[in-house]
């Protein structure tokens, strides 16, 4: 499945379309490093090409967009702090209540993060949780997680903060005012919200456009829609350990160029260390699924890009398929072809055979791609309504 890029004329941005509160902080940092920046994922080639094309197009037509905005009078007062270069200019965005809309662990860390030049917050829904990240110039820092069932509620509350202003007072920085901007992108589990902070009087209009585009590139680099979720990481580590193929899996990751040779011998990376290894890198999910398939000795399938038969997918209930991360997509010579995150899960495969009264063959697929296939047939997020998209 390819990507669609939306251009926001007012913000000078391209947005990419792919399709009980836990207050325990998780101080995980994703930052640039030889090990933390693997080559572009196989499934991202189309997105990278589209991004390059879109960026070139924006560069060629940026001035005409700006003239059009000015002529239409749409350089409106909402963005006044970026359109002036006078650092004494006052922010015209209305003061809003922002911090009472955030989880406690985010509020408690705000002052410390701000002193380290915090650019904003990135809020990402996944299968089992919503993850909260702080965005800096060169990295993302994971702050903690909340219940994914509450994601729409958080989204609705924080959407009201768009283009509002906040005043912050700290002993180190003194008093500062910031205007907030929201942007929305999507993954298989819902809307990803990025809240950016713009300090009063700090940016010219052109600088603000550059700043926004830097932020979007940053989050797409360190937390792209194509990378593993927290559940993916746990599941892969569990399957590799249960089948005693951790070493074979790691060797395949090296062979495919997903990582560089770690300082610790590969033979020592197992159990909890394998999970930590997965969490410390930005892995493209399809390539990791291919590596796992090879380590397990089964065939890999790109479940997001198969030619599926809707009546076959619907032979098993949606909720069961999502929970088991297993879905049949077609029949070949009387045998069901089943995409599974864990192709060694004999119990799930047996359930499908009993349910459909047909023999089944397991293929290894990325968990998110299985979700994507299910959503193609049953609709995004099933019968639940999608959050109102805020892209322009």
Protein backbone atom coordinates (compact mmCIF):
# COMPACT_ATOMS: atom_id res chain seq x y z
CA UNK A 1 0.00 0.00 0.00
CA UNK A 2 1.44 3.36 -0.99
CA UNK A 3 1.37 6.63 0.92
CA UNK A 4 -0.61 9.78 0.20
CA UNK A 5 0.84 13.18 1.02
CA UNK A 6 -1.38 16.13 1.95
CA UNK A 7 0.01 19.65 1.63
CA UNK A 8 -1.16 22.19 4.20
CA UNK A 9 -0.78 25.61 2.59
CA UNK A 10 -1.12 27.53 5.82
CA UNK A 11 1.44 25.49 7.70
CA UNK A 12 3.77 24.69 4.82
CA UNK A 13 3.68 20.96 5.66
CA UNK A 14 3.25 17.63 3.98
CA UNK A 15 1.23 15.10 5.93
CA UNK A 16 1.50 11.39 5.19
CA UNK A 17 -1.50 9.03 5.12
CA UNK A 18 -0.76 5.35 5.51
CA UNK A 19 -4.42 4.41 6.16
CA UNK A 20 -6.71 2.57 33.36
CA UNK A 21 -4.00 5.19 32.87
CA UNK A 22 -0.48 3.88 33.30
CA UNK A 23 1.48 6.68 34.91
CA UNK A 24 4.77 4.78 35.02
CA UNK A 25 7.33 6.71 32.95
CA UNK A 26 9.35 4.70 30.43
CA UNK A 27 12.57 6.67 29.87
CA UNK A 28 13.33 5.22 26.47
CA UNK A 29 15.15 7.49 24.02
CA UNK A 30 15.31 7.01 20.26
CA UNK A 31 18.14 9.04 18.82
CA UNK A 32 20.44 9.17 15.84
CA UNK A 33 23.33 6.67 15.89
CA UNK A 34 24.93 4.20 13.49
CA UNK A 35 23.02 1.39 15.21
CA UNK A 36 19.80 3.38 15.57
CA UNK A 37 19.52 4.47 11.97
CA UNK A 38 19.15 1.37 9.77
CA UNK A 39 18.80 1.68 6.01
CA UNK A 40 15.48 2.69 4.54
CA UNK A 41 12.98 -0.19 4.98
CA UNK A 42 11.93 -2.19 1.98
CA UNK A 43 8.32 -1.25 2.40
CA UNK A 44 9.25 2.42 2.72
CA UNK A 45 10.78 2.76 -0.72
CA UNK A 46 7.58 4.09 -2.22
CA UNK A 47 7.08 6.46 0.70
CA UNK A 48 10.66 7.76 0.46
CA UNK A 49 10.27 8.32 -3.26
CA UNK A 50 6.94 10.08 -2.71
CA UNK A 51 8.47 12.20 0.05
CA UNK A 52 11.36 13.26 -2.20
CA UNK A 53 8.96 14.12 -5.00
CA UNK A 54 6.70 16.03 -2.65
CA UNK A 55 9.60 17.95 -1.11
CA UNK A 56 10.96 18.91 -4.52
CA UNK A 57 7.51 20.02 -5.62
CA UNK A 58 7.10 22.11 -2.48
CA UNK A 59 10.48 23.76 -3.03
CA UNK A 60 9.53 24.72 -6.59
CA UNK A 61 6.09 26.00 -5.73
CA UNK A 62 6.62 27.32 -2.20
CA UNK A 63 6.78 30.93 -3.29
CA UNK A 64 3.56 30.66 -5.29
CA UNK A 65 1.84 29.07 -2.29
CA UNK A 66 3.02 31.95 -0.13
CA UNK A 67 1.79 34.55 -2.64
CA UNK A 68 -1.55 32.76 -2.87
CA UNK A 69 -1.92 32.76 0.91
CA UNK A 70 -1.05 36.44 1.12
CA UNK A 71 -3.37 37.37 -1.74
CA UNK A 72 -6.23 35.46 -0.16
CA UNK A 73 -5.62 37.15 3.16
CA UNK A 74 -5.15 33.71 4.71
CA UNK A 75 -1.95 34.54 6.54
CA UNK A 76 -4.40 35.00 9.39
CA UNK A 77 -3.82 36.18 12.93
CA UNK A 78 -3.64 32.61 14.25
CA UNK A 79 -0.05 32.40 12.98
CA UNK A 80 1.02 35.94 13.90
CA UNK A 81 3.90 34.93 16.19
CA UNK A 82 5.71 33.33 13.22
CA UNK A 83 4.90 36.09 10.71
CA UNK A 84 6.71 38.78 12.68
CA UNK A 85 10.44 39.06 13.29
CA UNK A 86 10.18 41.51 16.19
CA UNK A 87 11.12 39.40 19.22
CA UNK A 88 9.17 41.79 21.44
CA UNK A 89 5.93 41.07 19.56
CA UNK A 90 3.13 39.67 21.70
CA UNK A 91 1.54 36.33 20.95
CA UNK A 92 -2.02 36.84 19.76
CA UNK A 93 -3.14 33.25 20.34
CA UNK A 94 -5.72 33.04 23.15
CA UNK A 95 -4.52 31.65 26.48
CA UNK A 96 -5.82 28.09 27.00
CA UNK A 97 -5.91 25.47 29.72
CA UNK A 98 -3.41 22.94 28.42
CA UNK A 99 -1.83 21.08 31.32
CA UNK A 100 -5.10 19.85 32.81
CA UNK A 101 -5.65 17.98 29.53
CA UNK A 102 -2.43 15.95 29.85
CA UNK A 103 -1.55 12.78 31.78
CA UNK A 104 0.18 13.44 35.10
CA UNK A 105 3.48 11.90 34.00
CA UNK A 106 3.61 14.30 31.02
CA UNK A 107 2.85 17.36 33.16
CA UNK A 108 5.46 16.40 35.76
CA UNK A 109 8.23 16.23 33.17
CA UNK A 110 7.30 19.37 31.23
CA UNK A 111 9.60 21.92 32.89
CA UNK A 112 12.65 19.67 32.66
CA UNK A 113 11.96 18.85 29.00
CA UNK A 114 11.34 22.51 28.13
CA UNK A 115 14.78 23.44 29.40
CA UNK A 116 16.20 20.90 26.94
CA UNK A 117 14.47 22.68 24.03
CA UNK A 118 11.30 20.57 23.81
CA UNK A 119 9.67 20.90 20.38
CA UNK A 120 6.40 19.17 21.17
CA UNK A 121 4.59 15.95 22.04
CA UNK A 122 3.88 13.00 19.76
CA UNK A 123 0.96 10.76 20.78
CA UNK A 124 0.73 7.37 19.06
CA UNK A 125 -2.05 4.75 19.37
CA UNK A 126 -1.05 1.09 19.17
CA UNK A 127 -2.78 -2.26 19.76
CA UNK A 128 -2.71 -2.20 23.55
CA UNK A 129 -1.72 1.31 24.58
CA UNK A 130 -1.24 4.91 23.53
CA UNK A 131 2.42 5.92 23.74
CA UNK A 132 3.54 9.49 24.57
CA UNK A 133 6.82 10.87 23.22
CA UNK A 134 8.67 14.14 23.79
CA UNK A 135 10.11 15.55 20.55
CA UNK A 136 13.55 17.19 20.51
CA UNK A 137 15.74 18.39 17.66
CA UNK A 138 17.50 15.05 17.17
CA UNK A 139 15.53 12.42 19.05
CA UNK A 140 12.27 11.21 20.55
CA UNK A 141 12.04 10.35 24.25
CA UNK A 142 9.27 8.02 25.38
CA UNK A 143 7.51 9.35 28.47
CA UNK A 144 4.92 6.66 29.24
CA UNK A 145 1.64 5.16 28.09
CA UNK A 146 -2.10 5.44 28.63
CA UNK A 147 -5.00 3.11 27.81
CA UNK A 148 -5.63 2.94 24.09
CA UNK A 149 -9.38 2.82 24.83
CA UNK A 150 -9.05 6.41 26.05
CA UNK A 151 -7.20 7.58 22.93
CA UNK A 152 -10.20 9.26 21.29
CA UNK A 153 -10.87 11.11 24.53
CA UNK A 154 -7.30 12.43 24.70
CA UNK A 155 -7.47 13.37 21.03
CA UNK A 156 -10.70 15.32 21.45
CA UNK A 157 -9.38 17.21 24.50
CA UNK A 158 -6.06 18.13 22.90
CA UNK A 159 -7.68 19.08 19.58
CA UNK A 160 -9.22 22.04 21.42
CA UNK A 161 -5.72 23.35 22.15
CA UNK A 162 -4.85 23.90 18.49
CA UNK A 163 -3.59 27.48 17.87
CA UNK A 164 -4.03 28.34 21.53
CA UNK A 165 -1.32 29.94 23.68
CA UNK A 166 0.30 28.94 26.96
CA UNK A 167 2.45 30.97 29.36
CA UNK A 168 5.26 29.17 31.17
CA UNK A 169 7.29 30.48 34.11
CA UNK A 170 10.51 28.72 35.18
CA UNK A 171 13.45 29.93 37.33
CA UNK A 172 15.94 29.06 34.58
CA UNK A 173 14.06 30.41 31.54
CA UNK A 174 11.90 33.11 33.10
CA UNK A 175 8.49 33.73 31.54
CA UNK A 176 7.85 32.48 28.02
CA UNK A 177 4.78 32.17 25.83
CA UNK A 178 4.17 29.48 23.26
CA UNK A 179 1.55 28.90 20.60
CA UNK A 180 0.43 25.31 20.04
CA UNK A 181 -0.18 23.70 16.64
CA UNK A 182 -1.70 20.26 16.09
CA UNK A 183 -1.14 18.00 13.11
CA UNK A 184 -2.62 14.56 12.49
CA UNK A 185 -1.26 11.52 10.68
CA UNK A 186 -2.55 7.96 10.76
CA UNK A 187 -1.53 4.38 11.42
CA UNK A 188 -3.49 1.13 11.53
CA UNK A 189 -4.81 1.90 15.00
CA UNK A 190 -6.07 5.47 14.64
CA UNK A 191 -4.91 9.07 14.57
CA UNK A 192 -1.40 10.05 15.65
CA UNK A 193 -1.36 13.55 17.16
CA UNK A 194 1.68 15.83 17.04
CA UNK A 195 1.50 18.96 19.22
CA UNK A 196 4.19 21.50 18.32
CA UNK A 197 5.34 24.45 20.47
CA UNK A 198 6.29 27.79 18.87
CA UNK A 199 7.92 30.32 21.18
CA UNK A 200 6.60 33.86 20.94
CA UNK A 201 8.59 36.06 18.56
CA UNK A 202 11.23 33.43 17.87
CA UNK A 203 10.54 32.62 14.22
CA UNK A 204 10.03 34.53 11.01
CA UNK A 205 7.35 33.06 8.72
CA UNK A 206 9.94 31.29 6.56
CA UNK A 207 11.72 29.95 9.62
CA UNK A 208 8.48 28.59 11.03
CA UNK A 209 7.84 26.65 7.81
CA UNK A 210 11.32 25.12 8.02
CA UNK A 211 10.80 24.31 11.69
CA UNK A 212 7.52 22.51 11.00
CA UNK A 213 9.00 20.45 8.18
CA UNK A 214 12.00 19.51 10.34
CA UNK A 215 9.61 18.30 13.04
CA UNK A 216 7.59 16.15 10.63
CA UNK A 217 10.74 14.61 9.13
CA UNK A 218 12.00 13.90 12.63
CA UNK A 219 8.95 11.97 13.82
CA UNK A 220 8.71 10.07 10.52
CA UNK A 221 12.36 9.07 10.94
CA UNK A 222 12.24 7.97 14.56
CA UNK A 223 8.64 6.73 14.83
CA UNK A 224 7.43 6.01 11.28
CA UNK A 225 4.15 4.22 10.66
CA UNK A 226 6.18 1.37 9.16
CA UNK A 227 8.13 0.52 12.33
CA UNK A 228 7.38 -1.96 15.11
CA UNK A 229 4.91 -1.22 17.86
CA UNK A 230 5.60 -2.07 21.51
CA UNK A 231 3.41 -5.18 21.16
CA UNK A 232 5.27 -6.21 17.98
CA UNK A 233 8.55 -6.05 19.88
CA UNK A 234 7.24 -8.17 22.75
CA UNK A 235 5.66 -10.73 20.40
CA UNK A 236 8.77 -11.15 18.24
CA UNK A 237 10.98 -11.62 21.30
CA UNK A 238 8.49 -14.14 22.73
CA UNK A 239 8.23 -16.18 19.51
CA UNK A 240 12.00 -16.22 18.94
CA UNK A 241 12.63 -17.35 22.52
CA UNK A 242 9.87 -20.00 22.48
CA UNK A 243 11.33 -21.52 19.32
CA UNK A 244 14.98 -21.17 20.42
CA UNK A 245 15.85 -19.20 17.29
CA UNK A 246 17.09 -15.91 18.80
CA UNK A 247 20.57 -16.34 17.33
CA UNK A 248 19.25 -17.23 13.86
CA UNK A 249 16.92 -14.22 14.00
CA UNK A 250 19.71 -11.81 14.98
CA UNK A 251 21.97 -13.15 12.24
CA UNK A 252 19.22 -12.53 9.68
CA UNK A 253 18.84 -8.95 10.98
CA UNK A 254 22.56 -8.46 10.41
CA UNK A 255 22.41 -10.11 7.00
CA UNK A 256 19.60 -7.81 5.88
CA UNK A 257 21.48 -4.74 7.08
CA UNK A 258 18.90 -3.83 9.71
CA UNK A 259 21.57 -3.39 12.39
CA UNK A 260 25.32 -3.23 12.74
CA UNK A 261 27.30 -5.81 14.68
CA UNK A 262 26.51 -5.15 18.36
CA UNK A 263 29.26 -4.88 20.97
CA UNK A 264 27.77 -7.79 22.91
CA UNK A 265 28.22 -11.24 21.25
CA UNK A 266 25.04 -12.32 19.47
CA UNK A 267 24.97 -15.55 21.48
CA UNK A 268 24.39 -13.51 24.65
CA UNK A 269 21.38 -11.59 23.30
CA UNK A 270 18.39 -13.64 24.38
CA UNK A 271 15.38 -13.40 26.66
CA UNK A 272 14.98 -9.88 28.11
CA UNK A 273 18.11 -8.74 26.24
CA UNK A 274 16.49 -9.55 22.89
CA UNK A 275 13.49 -7.41 23.79
CA UNK A 276 15.79 -4.57 24.84
CA UNK A 277 17.67 -5.00 21.54
CA UNK A 278 14.42 -4.64 19.58
CA UNK A 279 13.40 -1.57 21.57
CA UNK A 280 16.74 0.16 20.99
CA UNK A 281 16.46 0.23 17.20
CA UNK A 282 14.02 1.55 14.61
CA UNK A 283 13.09 -1.63 12.75
CA UNK A 284 10.97 -1.72 9.55
CA UNK A 285 8.29 -4.24 10.39
CA UNK A 286 8.24 -6.15 7.07
CA UNK A 287 11.99 -6.80 7.10
CA UNK A 288 11.86 -7.95 10.72
CA UNK A 289 8.99 -10.31 9.87
CA UNK A 290 11.05 -11.66 6.96
CA UNK A 291 14.00 -12.23 9.31
CA UNK A 292 11.74 -14.03 11.80
CA UNK A 293 10.24 -16.19 9.03
CA UNK A 294 13.70 -17.22 7.87
CA UNK A 295 14.77 -18.01 11.45
CA UNK A 296 11.65 -20.15 11.92
CA UNK A 297 12.03 -21.84 8.52
CA UNK A 298 8.62 -20.77 7.16
CA UNK A 299 7.50 -18.66 4.22
CA UNK A 300 7.00 -14.90 4.57
CA UNK A 301 4.01 -13.02 3.15
CA UNK A 302 3.39 -9.28 2.91
CA UNK A 303 -0.13 -9.34 4.30
CA UNK A 304 -0.63 -5.67 3.49
CA UNK A 305 -0.10 -6.27 -0.23
CA UNK A 306 -1.66 -9.68 -0.94
CA UNK A 307 -4.47 -10.29 -3.42
CA UNK A 308 -7.06 -11.35 -0.89
CA UNK A 309 -10.57 -12.76 -1.25
CA UNK A 310 -12.98 -10.94 1.02
CA UNK A 311 -15.16 -13.99 1.62
CA UNK A 312 -12.07 -15.92 2.80
CA UNK A 313 -10.98 -13.20 5.24
CA UNK A 314 -14.52 -13.12 6.64
CA UNK A 315 -14.49 -16.88 7.33
CA UNK A 316 -13.01 -16.00 10.74
CA UNK A 317 -14.45 -13.29 13.01
CA UNK A 318 -12.67 -9.96 13.02
CA UNK A 319 -12.12 -9.76 16.77
CA UNK A 320 -10.62 -13.24 16.93
CA UNK A 321 -8.27 -12.49 14.02
CA UNK A 322 -7.10 -9.28 15.66
CA UNK A 323 -6.46 -11.00 18.98
CA UNK A 324 -4.72 -14.02 17.45
CA UNK A 325 -2.93 -11.92 14.80
CA UNK A 326 -3.89 -14.54 12.25
CA UNK A 327 -6.09 -14.19 9.17
CA UNK A 328 -6.78 -16.37 6.10
CA UNK A 329 -6.62 -14.44 2.84
CA UNK A 330 -7.12 -16.94 0.00
CA UNK A 331 -7.41 -20.64 -0.92
CA UNK A 332 -4.86 -22.42 -3.11
CA UNK A 333 -5.64 -25.97 -4.26
CA UNK A 334 -8.11 -26.44 -1.44
CA UNK A 335 -5.74 -25.16 1.29
CA UNK A 336 -6.31 -21.93 3.20
CA UNK A 337 -3.36 -19.53 3.14
CA UNK A 338 -3.10 -17.95 6.60
CA UNK A 339 -1.01 -14.90 7.52
CA UNK A 340 0.17 -15.19 11.12
CA UNK A 341 2.43 -13.11 13.31
CA UNK A 342 3.40 -16.40 15.00
CA UNK A 343 3.27 -19.16 12.37
CA UNK A 344 4.19 -21.72 15.05
CA UNK A 345 0.91 -21.07 16.90
CA UNK A 346 -0.63 -24.49 16.26
CA UNK A 347 -3.66 -23.80 18.45
CA UNK A 348 -4.75 -20.81 16.34
CA UNK A 349 -4.11 -22.65 13.09
CA UNK A 350 -6.17 -25.60 14.33
CA UNK A 351 -9.01 -23.24 15.30
CA UNK A 352 -9.08 -21.84 11.76
CA UNK A 353 -9.13 -25.33 10.26
CA UNK A 354 -12.01 -26.40 12.50
CA UNK A 355 -13.89 -23.16 11.87
CA UNK A 356 -13.57 -23.38 8.09
CA UNK A 357 -13.49 -27.18 7.71
CA UNK A 358 -10.43 -26.81 5.44
CA UNK A 359 -6.71 -27.53 5.78
CA UNK A 360 -4.57 -24.44 6.40
CA UNK A 361 -0.97 -23.39 5.76
CA UNK A 362 0.74 -20.80 7.97
CA UNK A 363 2.82 -17.92 6.62
CA UNK A 364 4.78 -15.41 8.71
CA UNK A 365 3.62 -11.79 8.42
CA UNK A 366 4.11 -8.52 10.30
CA UNK A 367 1.48 -7.99 12.98
CA UNK A 368 0.53 -4.51 11.78
CA UNK A 369 0.14 -5.78 8.20
CA UNK A 370 -2.34 -8.37 9.44
CA UNK A 371 -4.28 -5.56 11.12
CA UNK A 372 -4.14 -3.58 7.88
CA UNK A 373 -5.58 -6.51 5.88
CA UNK A 374 -8.38 -7.02 8.40
CA UNK A 375 -9.24 -3.30 8.29
CA UNK A 376 -9.42 -3.37 4.49
CA UNK A 377 -12.20 -5.94 4.72
CA UNK A 378 -14.03 -4.95 7.89
CA UNK A 379 -13.34 -1.22 7.86
CA UNK A 380 -10.85 0.82 9.85
CA UNK A 381 -11.27 0.14 13.57
CA UNK A 382 -14.30 -2.05 12.87
CA UNK A 383 -17.64 -0.53 13.81
CA UNK A 384 -16.08 2.23 15.88
CA UNK A 385 -16.15 5.66 14.20
CA UNK A 386 -12.82 7.12 13.12
CA UNK A 387 -11.67 10.25 14.90
CA UNK A 388 -12.40 13.34 12.84
CA UNK A 389 -9.24 13.89 10.75
CA UNK A 390 -7.69 17.31 11.25
CA UNK A 391 -5.47 17.27 8.15
CA UNK A 392 -6.05 20.05 5.64
